[in-house]
């Protein structure tokens, strides 16, 4: 994991719920970037479909509304 972080100083972006769940369980996610669209699907997968052992507190870094109506949000994991 350290090699991956060293090779990608700008960070690693992923869109897999299963991978995100496993990385989060290993305490390897520092920041989250979400793109929220103004639609409710009513079905489909969630980010952490199988759940987490506890809640995660996040601090908002930025939120940017887009012309499409979506909002790009950047959060940092709150520590301590």
N, C-alpha and C. Protein backbone atom coordinates (compact mmCIF):
# COMPACT_ATOMS: atom_id res chain seq x y z
N UNK A 1 0.82 -1.18 0.00
CA UNK A 1 0.00 0.00 0.00
C UNK A 1 0.87 1.25 0.00
N UNK A 2 1.97 1.23 0.73
CA UNK A 2 2.85 2.39 0.77
C UNK A 2 3.44 2.68 -0.60
N UNK A 3 3.77 1.63 -1.36
CA UNK A 3 4.29 1.82 -2.72
C UNK A 3 3.27 2.52 -3.60
N UNK A 4 2.01 2.14 -3.47
CA UNK A 4 0.95 2.76 -4.25
C UNK A 4 0.80 4.23 -3.87
N UNK A 5 0.82 4.54 -2.58
CA UNK A 5 0.72 5.93 -2.13
C UNK A 5 1.92 6.75 -2.62
N UNK A 6 3.11 6.16 -2.58
CA UNK A 6 4.32 6.87 -3.04
C UNK A 6 4.28 7.12 -4.55
N UNK A 7 3.71 6.18 -5.30
CA UNK A 7 3.66 6.29 -6.75
C UNK A 7 2.56 7.25 -7.22
N UNK A 8 1.60 7.55 -6.35
CA UNK A 8 0.48 8.41 -6.73
C UNK A 8 0.29 9.50 -5.68
N UNK A 9 1.20 10.50 -5.65
CA UNK A 9 1.13 11.53 -4.60
C UNK A 9 -0.17 12.34 -4.61
N UNK A 10 -0.86 12.40 -5.76
CA UNK A 10 -2.13 13.14 -5.81
C UNK A 10 -3.28 12.31 -5.26
N UNK A 11 -3.02 11.05 -4.93
CA UNK A 11 -4.06 10.19 -4.38
C UNK A 11 -4.56 9.17 -5.37
N UNK A 12 -5.30 8.22 -4.87
CA UNK A 12 -5.88 7.16 -5.67
C UNK A 12 -7.39 7.32 -5.63
N UNK A 13 -8.01 7.40 -6.80
CA UNK A 13 -9.46 7.50 -6.87
C UNK A 13 -10.02 6.13 -7.24
N UNK A 14 -11.09 5.74 -6.56
CA UNK A 14 -11.70 4.46 -6.89
C UNK A 14 -13.20 4.58 -6.81
N UNK A 15 -13.87 3.72 -7.50
CA UNK A 15 -15.32 3.76 -7.53
C UNK A 15 -15.96 2.44 -7.16
N UNK A 16 -15.19 1.55 -6.60
CA UNK A 16 -15.69 0.22 -6.24
C UNK A 16 -16.12 0.20 -4.78
N UNK A 17 -17.38 -0.11 -4.54
CA UNK A 17 -17.86 -0.20 -3.17
C UNK A 17 -17.17 -1.29 -2.37
N UNK A 18 -16.91 -2.44 -3.01
CA UNK A 18 -16.25 -3.53 -2.31
C UNK A 18 -14.82 -3.15 -1.92
N UNK A 19 -14.10 -2.52 -2.86
CA UNK A 19 -12.73 -2.11 -2.57
C UNK A 19 -12.71 -1.03 -1.49
N UNK A 20 -13.62 -0.07 -1.60
CA UNK A 20 -13.71 1.00 -0.59
C UNK A 20 -13.98 0.42 0.79
N UNK A 21 -14.87 -0.56 0.86
CA UNK A 21 -15.19 -1.19 2.14
C UNK A 21 -13.95 -1.84 2.76
N UNK A 22 -13.22 -2.59 1.96
CA UNK A 22 -12.03 -3.28 2.48
C UNK A 22 -10.94 -2.29 2.87
N UNK A 23 -10.71 -1.25 2.06
CA UNK A 23 -9.70 -0.25 2.41
C UNK A 23 -10.10 0.50 3.67
N UNK A 24 -11.38 0.80 3.82
CA UNK A 24 -11.85 1.50 5.01
C UNK A 24 -11.68 0.62 6.25
N UNK A 25 -11.99 -0.65 6.14
CA UNK A 25 -11.84 -1.57 7.28
C UNK A 25 -10.39 -1.68 7.72
N UNK A 26 -9.46 -1.47 6.78
CA UNK A 26 -8.02 -1.48 7.10
C UNK A 26 -7.53 -0.09 7.51
N UNK A 27 -8.45 0.87 7.62
CA UNK A 27 -8.13 2.25 8.01
C UNK A 27 -7.15 2.91 7.02
N UNK A 28 -7.37 2.68 5.72
CA UNK A 28 -6.47 3.19 4.70
C UNK A 28 -7.06 4.33 3.87
N UNK A 29 -8.25 4.79 4.19
CA UNK A 29 -8.85 5.90 3.45
C UNK A 29 -8.73 7.17 4.27
N UNK A 30 -8.07 8.17 3.69
CA UNK A 30 -7.88 9.46 4.36
C UNK A 30 -8.92 10.48 3.92
N UNK A 31 -9.33 10.41 2.66
CA UNK A 31 -10.24 11.41 2.11
C UNK A 31 -11.28 10.73 1.22
N UNK A 32 -12.42 11.39 1.11
CA UNK A 32 -13.51 10.91 0.26
C UNK A 32 -13.90 12.03 -0.68
N UNK A 33 -14.17 11.68 -1.93
CA UNK A 33 -14.70 12.63 -2.91
C UNK A 33 -15.97 12.01 -3.45
N UNK A 34 -17.07 12.72 -3.28
CA UNK A 34 -18.37 12.24 -3.72
C UNK A 34 -18.92 13.15 -4.80
N UNK A 35 -19.57 12.57 -5.77
CA UNK A 35 -20.30 13.31 -6.78
C UNK A 35 -21.76 12.92 -6.62
N UNK A 36 -22.57 13.85 -6.14
CA UNK A 36 -23.97 13.56 -5.85
C UNK A 36 -24.83 14.17 -6.95
N UNK A 37 -25.63 13.31 -7.58
CA UNK A 37 -26.52 13.75 -8.65
C UNK A 37 -27.92 13.97 -8.10
N UNK A 38 -28.65 14.93 -8.65
CA UNK A 38 -30.00 15.23 -8.13
C UNK A 38 -31.05 14.25 -8.63
N UNK A 39 -30.81 12.96 -8.38
CA UNK A 39 -31.76 11.91 -8.75
C UNK A 39 -31.76 10.85 -7.65
N UNK A 40 -32.89 10.27 -7.42
CA UNK A 40 -32.97 9.16 -6.48
C UNK A 40 -33.34 7.93 -7.29
N UNK A 41 -32.43 6.98 -7.33
CA UNK A 41 -32.64 5.79 -8.14
C UNK A 41 -33.67 4.86 -7.50
N UNK A 42 -33.66 4.77 -6.18
CA UNK A 42 -34.60 3.88 -5.50
C UNK A 42 -34.14 2.44 -5.43
N UNK A 43 -33.00 2.15 -6.05
CA UNK A 43 -32.48 0.78 -6.04
C UNK A 43 -31.00 0.84 -6.38
N UNK A 44 -30.35 -0.29 -6.30
CA UNK A 44 -28.94 -0.36 -6.68
C UNK A 44 -28.03 -0.42 -5.46
N UNK A 45 -26.74 -0.57 -5.72
CA UNK A 45 -25.78 -0.71 -4.62
C UNK A 45 -25.56 0.60 -3.86
N UNK A 46 -25.14 0.45 -2.62
CA UNK A 46 -24.74 1.60 -1.81
C UNK A 46 -23.23 1.55 -1.66
N UNK A 47 -22.63 2.62 -1.16
CA UNK A 47 -21.18 2.67 -1.04
C UNK A 47 -20.66 1.52 -0.17
N UNK A 48 -21.25 1.35 1.00
CA UNK A 48 -20.82 0.29 1.91
C UNK A 48 -21.97 -0.68 2.12
N UNK A 49 -22.24 -1.47 1.12
CA UNK A 49 -23.38 -2.37 1.13
C UNK A 49 -23.35 -3.35 2.29
N UNK A 50 -22.18 -3.84 2.64
CA UNK A 50 -22.09 -4.81 3.72
C UNK A 50 -21.88 -4.14 5.08
N UNK A 51 -21.87 -2.83 5.11
CA UNK A 51 -21.76 -2.09 6.36
C UNK A 51 -20.33 -1.95 6.87
N UNK A 52 -20.17 -1.12 7.88
CA UNK A 52 -18.90 -0.90 8.56
C UNK A 52 -19.08 -1.18 10.04
N UNK A 53 -17.98 -1.39 10.72
CA UNK A 53 -18.06 -1.73 12.14
C UNK A 53 -18.47 -0.53 13.00
N UNK A 54 -18.24 0.69 12.50
CA UNK A 54 -18.63 1.89 13.24
C UNK A 54 -18.79 3.05 12.27
N UNK A 55 -19.39 4.13 12.75
CA UNK A 55 -19.59 5.32 11.93
C UNK A 55 -18.25 6.01 11.66
N UNK A 56 -18.19 6.74 10.58
CA UNK A 56 -17.00 7.51 10.22
C UNK A 56 -17.36 8.99 10.27
N UNK A 57 -16.59 9.78 11.02
CA UNK A 57 -16.81 11.22 11.06
C UNK A 57 -15.93 11.86 10.00
N UNK A 58 -16.55 12.71 9.17
CA UNK A 58 -15.84 13.37 8.08
C UNK A 58 -15.91 14.87 8.25
N UNK A 59 -14.84 15.56 7.85
CA UNK A 59 -14.81 17.02 7.83
C UNK A 59 -14.88 17.49 6.39
N UNK A 60 -15.79 18.42 6.10
CA UNK A 60 -15.95 18.94 4.75
C UNK A 60 -14.74 19.79 4.38
N UNK A 61 -14.14 19.48 3.23
CA UNK A 61 -13.02 20.27 2.70
C UNK A 61 -13.56 21.26 1.69
N UNK A 62 -14.43 20.78 0.79
CA UNK A 62 -15.02 21.68 -0.21
C UNK A 62 -16.29 21.05 -0.78
N UNK A 63 -17.13 21.92 -1.31
CA UNK A 63 -18.34 21.48 -2.02
C UNK A 63 -18.52 22.42 -3.20
N UNK A 64 -18.67 21.85 -4.38
CA UNK A 64 -18.77 22.66 -5.59
C UNK A 64 -19.99 22.23 -6.40
N UNK A 65 -20.98 23.12 -6.53
CA UNK A 65 -22.12 22.81 -7.39
C UNK A 65 -21.68 22.83 -8.85
N UNK A 66 -22.18 21.89 -9.64
CA UNK A 66 -21.84 21.81 -11.05
C UNK A 66 -23.04 22.24 -11.90
N UNK A 67 -22.78 22.62 -13.14
CA UNK A 67 -23.86 23.09 -14.03
C UNK A 67 -24.94 22.04 -14.23
N UNK A 68 -24.59 20.79 -14.13
CA UNK A 68 -25.55 19.70 -14.32
C UNK A 68 -26.54 19.59 -13.16
N UNK A 69 -26.26 20.28 -12.07
CA UNK A 69 -27.07 20.15 -10.87
C UNK A 69 -26.44 19.24 -9.84
N UNK A 70 -25.43 18.49 -10.25
CA UNK A 70 -24.70 17.63 -9.30
C UNK A 70 -23.83 18.50 -8.40
N UNK A 71 -23.38 17.92 -7.30
CA UNK A 71 -22.49 18.60 -6.37
C UNK A 71 -21.28 17.71 -6.14
N UNK A 72 -20.08 18.28 -6.33
CA UNK A 72 -18.83 17.57 -6.06
C UNK A 72 -18.41 17.93 -4.64
N UNK A 73 -18.27 16.94 -3.79
CA UNK A 73 -17.93 17.18 -2.39
C UNK A 73 -16.64 16.45 -2.03
N UNK A 74 -15.80 17.12 -1.27
CA UNK A 74 -14.52 16.56 -0.84
C UNK A 74 -14.51 16.57 0.69
N UNK A 75 -14.31 15.41 1.27
CA UNK A 75 -14.28 15.27 2.73
C UNK A 75 -12.97 14.65 3.16
N UNK A 76 -12.49 15.03 4.32
CA UNK A 76 -11.32 14.42 4.94
C UNK A 76 -11.79 13.66 6.16
N UNK A 77 -11.23 12.51 6.38
CA UNK A 77 -11.60 11.70 7.54
C UNK A 77 -11.14 12.40 8.80
N UNK A 78 -12.04 12.59 9.74
CA UNK A 78 -11.71 13.22 11.02
C UNK A 78 -10.99 12.18 11.89
N UNK A 79 -9.89 12.55 12.42
CA UNK A 79 -9.09 11.64 13.27
C UNK A 79 -9.06 12.19 14.70
N UNK A 80 -9.16 11.29 15.64
CA UNK A 80 -9.00 11.67 17.04
C UNK A 80 -10.17 12.21 17.73
